[in-house]
């Protein structure tokens, strides 16, 4: 085996053994996924009783893993949370911090899921457009559903 291939194989094996095969699989799908973001997602998805693959797929669709993302509507961070969900707790800029943005985003996603009685399509509609939102953004929804199925 050539030295470069041996080093690559060693790195891949250590990544899979340290973080588990699931972490390795997610890192192949989501190149932006750091160890820090992965651990926060694992913790917050469990705390909010959300599937981890849903949380990661939402982050990918919302911000492509860009912690500094800002939408035209003013949503911030990895999960594109509207500041109105955070304003009582601190400055809106805190939503750019992965620990805060994912924590708040997961709580909003869990709320959207509860309103939808677990239906994933309605959960995503509620998350993206609010509970009174009309219609379904199928491009957004299908991207998330495809990402969830692939893992």
Protein backbone atom coordinates (compact mmCIF):
# COMPACT_ATOMS: atom_id res chain seq x y z
CA UNK A 1 0.00 0.00 0.00
CA UNK A 2 1.31 3.43 -0.90
CA UNK A 3 2.13 5.71 2.07
CA UNK A 4 -0.60 8.24 1.20
CA UNK A 5 -3.24 5.52 0.98
CA UNK A 6 -2.05 3.97 4.24
CA UNK A 7 -2.35 7.32 6.03
CA UNK A 8 -5.79 7.93 4.53
CA UNK A 9 -6.96 4.45 5.56
CA UNK A 10 -5.62 5.00 9.09
CA UNK A 11 -7.42 8.36 9.33
CA UNK A 12 -10.69 6.87 8.10
CA UNK A 13 -10.46 3.97 10.53
CA UNK A 14 -9.67 6.21 13.49
CA UNK A 15 -12.54 8.56 12.63
CA UNK A 16 -14.96 5.65 12.47
CA UNK A 17 -13.70 4.12 15.71
CA UNK A 18 -13.59 7.35 17.73
CA UNK A 19 -16.97 8.69 16.67
CA UNK A 20 -18.65 5.54 15.49
CA UNK A 21 -19.69 4.43 12.05
CA UNK A 22 -22.79 6.63 12.07
CA UNK A 23 -20.72 9.79 12.63
CA UNK A 24 -18.43 8.72 9.79
CA UNK A 25 -21.40 8.14 7.47
CA UNK A 26 -22.85 11.54 8.30
CA UNK A 27 -19.48 13.24 7.72
CA UNK A 28 -19.37 11.76 4.21
CA UNK A 29 -22.84 13.13 3.46
CA UNK A 30 -22.33 16.50 5.15
CA UNK A 31 -18.78 17.83 4.62
CA UNK A 32 -19.55 20.80 6.89
CA UNK A 33 -20.24 18.51 9.88
CA UNK A 34 -17.61 19.09 12.56
CA UNK A 35 -17.23 17.03 15.73
CA UNK A 36 -18.61 19.98 17.74
CA UNK A 37 -21.73 20.36 15.60
CA UNK A 38 -22.28 16.60 15.53
CA UNK A 39 -22.14 16.34 19.34
CA UNK A 40 -24.52 19.30 19.77
CA UNK A 41 -26.95 17.73 17.29
CA UNK A 42 -26.80 14.36 19.07
CA UNK A 43 -27.49 16.02 22.43
CA UNK A 44 -30.26 18.36 21.26
CA UNK A 45 -32.00 15.81 19.05
CA UNK A 46 -32.15 13.42 22.03
CA UNK A 47 -33.29 16.18 24.42
CA UNK A 48 -36.11 17.13 22.04
CA UNK A 49 -36.95 13.56 20.98
CA UNK A 50 -36.12 14.28 17.34
CA UNK A 51 -34.47 11.92 14.87
CA UNK A 52 -30.83 12.91 14.43
CA UNK A 53 -31.08 12.48 10.67
CA UNK A 54 -33.95 15.02 10.62
CA UNK A 55 -31.93 17.63 12.51
CA UNK A 56 -28.89 17.20 10.25
CA UNK A 57 -31.04 17.28 7.10
CA UNK A 58 -32.73 20.50 8.26
CA UNK A 59 -29.35 22.13 8.94
CA UNK A 60 -28.14 21.10 5.50
CA UNK A 61 -31.28 22.49 3.80
CA UNK A 62 -31.38 25.67 5.85
CA UNK A 63 -27.74 26.78 5.90
CA UNK A 64 -25.54 24.12 4.28
CA UNK A 65 -23.65 24.11 7.58
CA UNK A 66 -22.83 27.83 7.51
CA UNK A 67 -22.92 29.09 11.11
CA UNK A 68 -23.02 32.70 9.89
CA UNK A 69 -25.97 32.21 7.52
CA UNK A 70 -28.61 34.97 7.44
CA UNK A 71 -31.80 34.59 5.39
CA UNK A 72 -33.65 37.34 3.53
CA UNK A 73 -36.32 37.09 6.24
CA UNK A 74 -33.74 37.57 9.01
CA UNK A 75 -33.38 33.96 10.20
CA UNK A 76 -29.93 33.23 11.64
CA UNK A 77 -27.44 30.42 12.07
CA UNK A 78 -27.28 26.76 11.18
CA UNK A 79 -30.98 26.07 11.60
CA UNK A 80 -32.08 29.52 10.37
CA UNK A 81 -33.97 30.44 13.53
CA UNK A 82 -35.97 33.64 13.58
CA UNK A 83 -34.67 35.93 16.35
CA UNK A 84 -38.17 36.23 17.85
CA UNK A 85 -37.68 32.72 19.28
CA UNK A 86 -34.56 33.87 21.13
CA UNK A 87 -34.87 37.60 21.87
CA UNK A 88 -35.80 37.14 25.55
CA UNK A 89 -32.62 35.18 26.21
CA UNK A 90 -29.90 37.29 24.63
CA UNK A 91 -28.76 39.08 21.49
CA UNK A 92 -29.89 37.66 18.16
CA UNK A 93 -26.25 37.21 17.17
CA UNK A 94 -26.08 34.35 19.70
CA UNK A 95 -28.02 32.25 17.17
CA UNK A 96 -24.82 32.07 15.10
CA UNK A 97 -23.20 30.06 17.91
CA UNK A 98 -23.78 26.37 17.11
CA UNK A 99 -24.68 25.40 20.69
CA UNK A 100 -27.37 28.08 20.93
CA UNK A 101 -28.64 28.00 17.35
CA UNK A 102 -29.05 24.21 17.35
CA UNK A 103 -30.61 24.20 20.83
CA UNK A 104 -33.21 26.79 19.84
CA UNK A 105 -33.69 25.30 16.37
CA UNK A 106 -34.33 21.84 17.81
CA UNK A 107 -36.84 23.21 20.30
CA UNK A 108 -38.68 24.98 17.45
CA UNK A 109 -38.49 21.82 15.31
CA UNK A 110 -39.88 19.74 18.20
CA UNK A 111 -42.72 22.25 18.60
CA UNK A 112 -43.42 22.06 14.85
CA UNK A 113 -43.40 18.26 15.04
CA UNK A 114 -45.81 18.22 17.98
CA UNK A 115 -48.25 20.48 16.11
CA UNK A 116 -48.00 18.12 13.13
CA UNK A 117 -48.60 15.04 15.30
CA UNK A 118 -45.33 13.58 14.05
CA UNK A 119 -46.08 13.96 10.33
CA UNK A 120 -42.70 14.88 8.80
CA UNK A 121 -44.08 16.86 5.85
CA UNK A 122 -46.31 18.97 8.09
CA UNK A 123 -43.47 19.32 10.61
CA UNK A 124 -41.29 20.82 7.90
CA UNK A 125 -44.09 23.10 6.74
CA UNK A 126 -44.59 24.32 10.30
CA UNK A 127 -40.85 24.79 10.81
CA UNK A 128 -40.34 26.69 7.58
CA UNK A 129 -43.58 28.69 7.39
CA UNK A 130 -45.01 28.66 10.90
CA UNK A 131 -48.18 26.94 12.06
CA UNK A 132 -50.40 29.19 9.96
CA UNK A 133 -48.22 28.89 6.88
CA UNK A 134 -49.94 27.96 3.68
CA UNK A 135 -48.80 25.41 1.19
CA UNK A 136 -45.73 23.25 1.28
CA UNK A 137 -42.35 24.17 -0.17
CA UNK A 138 -41.80 20.86 -1.96
CA UNK A 139 -38.26 21.65 -3.09
CA UNK A 140 -37.22 22.25 0.54
CA UNK A 141 -39.26 19.33 1.90
CA UNK A 142 -38.06 16.84 -0.71
CA UNK A 143 -34.41 17.79 -0.14
CA UNK A 144 -34.79 17.04 3.57
CA UNK A 145 -36.73 13.82 2.98
CA UNK A 146 -34.09 12.59 0.48
CA UNK A 147 -31.28 13.39 2.91
CA UNK A 148 -33.09 11.55 5.70
CA UNK A 149 -33.59 8.45 3.55
CA UNK A 150 -30.00 8.29 2.35
CA UNK A 151 -28.56 7.73 5.82
